[in-house]
Amino acid sequence: PTSAEFTFAIYLICFCLPKMGISRDHYHKRRKTGGKRVALRKKRKFELGRPAANTRLGAKRIHLVRTRGGNTKHRALRLDHGNFAWASERITRKTRIIDVVYNSSNNELVQ
């Protein structure tokens, strides 16, 4: 394919095709018996889910996210400081994060 065709294909994928929303409902899941559930309704605003922040190390970058009732959440995209508790010593200190050495949930988060 030519570069123009390739660019057009990327345009279609990114902007024209419908995107799947992140939903916290249970209507898309199967029953315990393995049977399919019938969709009773469309997605609702209160079933909304959002993508993970995937916070990285770096200069502080925080976005405000509007939530139900007009409240806000702080979504940390980049951080270089954190408040850490050392339970056995009963100490809590605000410290600078130098590096991520280990993460039990996912090795890709060690970057």
Protein backbone atom coordinates (compact mmCIF):
# COMPACT_ATOMS: atom_id res chain seq x y z
CA PRO A 1 0.00 0.00 0.00
CA THR A 2 1.07 3.55 -0.66
CA SER A 3 1.72 6.04 2.09
CA ALA A 4 -1.56 7.86 1.31
CA GLU A 5 -3.55 4.63 1.70
CA PHE A 6 -1.71 3.83 4.92
CA THR A 7 -2.42 7.32 6.31
CA PHE A 8 -6.08 7.00 5.38
CA ALA A 9 -6.28 3.59 7.12
CA ILE A 10 -4.80 5.07 10.30
CA TYR A 11 -7.27 7.96 10.06
CA LEU A 12 -10.17 5.49 9.83
CA ILE A 13 -8.94 3.47 12.80
CA CYS A 14 -8.33 6.50 15.02
CA PHE A 15 -11.22 8.82 14.22
CA CYS A 16 -14.06 7.14 12.35
CA LEU A 17 -14.58 3.73 13.89
CA PRO A 18 -16.65 3.64 17.08
CA LYS A 19 -14.61 3.22 20.24
CA MET A 20 -15.58 0.85 23.00
CA GLY A 21 -16.36 2.53 26.31
CA ILE A 22 -15.14 1.28 29.66
CA SER A 23 -18.16 0.10 31.60
CA ARG A 24 -18.60 -1.14 35.17
CA ASP A 25 -21.87 -2.96 34.54
CA HIS A 26 -22.47 -6.69 34.75
CA TYR A 27 -24.87 -6.98 31.82
CA HIS A 28 -22.08 -7.79 29.37
CA LYS A 29 -20.98 -10.81 31.45
CA ARG A 30 -22.29 -14.34 31.04
CA ARG A 31 -24.45 -16.11 33.60
CA LYS A 32 -23.04 -18.69 36.03
CA THR A 33 -24.49 -21.40 33.78
CA GLY A 34 -22.59 -20.00 30.78
CA GLY A 35 -25.64 -18.58 29.04
CA LYS A 36 -25.64 -15.10 27.53
CA ARG A 37 -27.54 -12.29 29.21
CA VAL A 38 -29.97 -10.24 27.17
CA ALA A 39 -29.08 -6.54 27.13
CA LEU A 40 -31.90 -4.85 29.05
CA ARG A 41 -30.78 -1.28 28.38
CA LYS A 42 -28.03 0.93 27.01
CA LYS A 43 -25.03 1.99 29.05
CA ARG A 44 -25.75 4.51 31.78
CA LYS A 45 -23.63 7.37 33.04
CA PHE A 46 -23.35 5.86 36.54
CA GLU A 47 -21.84 2.66 35.04
CA LEU A 48 -19.00 4.70 33.53
CA GLY A 49 -15.42 3.51 33.98
CA ARG A 50 -12.24 5.40 33.18
CA PRO A 51 -8.84 4.27 31.92
CA ALA A 52 -6.05 3.76 34.44
CA ALA A 53 -3.77 6.72 35.15
CA ASN A 54 -0.51 4.72 34.70
CA THR A 55 1.38 7.23 36.82
CA ARG A 56 5.01 7.71 35.77
CA LEU A 57 8.02 9.24 37.49
CA GLY A 58 8.69 12.87 36.65
CA ALA A 59 7.71 16.44 37.40
CA LYS A 60 4.28 16.71 39.01
CA ARG A 61 1.46 16.56 36.44
CA ILE A 62 -2.07 16.18 37.80
CA HIS A 63 -5.36 16.43 35.89
CA LEU A 64 -8.69 17.13 37.53
CA VAL A 65 -11.46 14.68 36.62
CA ARG A 66 -15.10 15.62 37.10
CA THR A 67 -17.09 12.93 38.89
CA ARG A 68 -20.69 12.41 39.99
CA GLY A 69 -22.27 15.32 41.79
CA GLY A 70 -19.81 17.81 40.33
CA ASN A 71 -17.04 16.60 42.62
CA THR A 72 -13.47 16.25 41.38
CA LYS A 73 -10.76 13.63 41.59
CA HIS A 74 -7.07 14.27 41.13
CA ARG A 75 -5.58 12.00 38.47
CA ALA A 76 -1.79 11.83 38.91
CA LEU A 77 -0.12 11.36 35.52
CA ARG A 78 3.41 12.08 36.74
CA LEU A 79 4.78 12.33 40.28
CA ASP A 80 8.20 12.60 41.86
CA HIS A 81 7.15 12.89 45.54
CA GLY A 82 4.88 10.76 47.69
CA ASN A 83 3.65 10.27 51.25
CA PHE A 84 4.88 6.89 52.48
CA ALA A 85 4.12 5.03 55.69
CA TRP A 86 6.48 2.57 57.40
CA ALA A 87 4.00 0.72 59.61
CA SER A 88 6.41 -1.28 61.80
CA GLU A 89 8.32 1.89 62.75
CA ARG A 90 5.17 4.06 62.97
CA ILE A 91 6.71 6.67 60.66
CA THR A 92 5.11 8.57 57.78
CA ARG A 93 7.22 10.91 55.67
CA LYS A 94 6.85 12.84 52.42
CA THR A 95 9.74 11.56 50.34
CA ARG A 96 11.12 11.90 46.83
CA ILE A 97 10.75 8.83 44.60
CA ILE A 98 14.06 8.03 42.93
CA ASP A 99 13.25 4.79 41.11
CA VAL A 100 10.72 1.96 40.95
CA VAL A 101 12.57 -1.27 41.69
CA TYR A 102 9.77 -3.83 42.04
CA ASN A 103 6.03 -4.03 41.45
CA SER A 104 4.29 -7.29 42.29
CA SER A 105 1.27 -6.61 40.08
CA ASN A 106 3.02 -5.99 36.77
CA ASN A 107 6.64 -5.97 35.57
CA GLU A 108 5.79 -3.34 32.93
CA LEU A 109 5.20 -0.83 35.72
CA VAL A 110 8.90 -1.06 36.64
CA GLN A 111 10.15 1.53 34.17
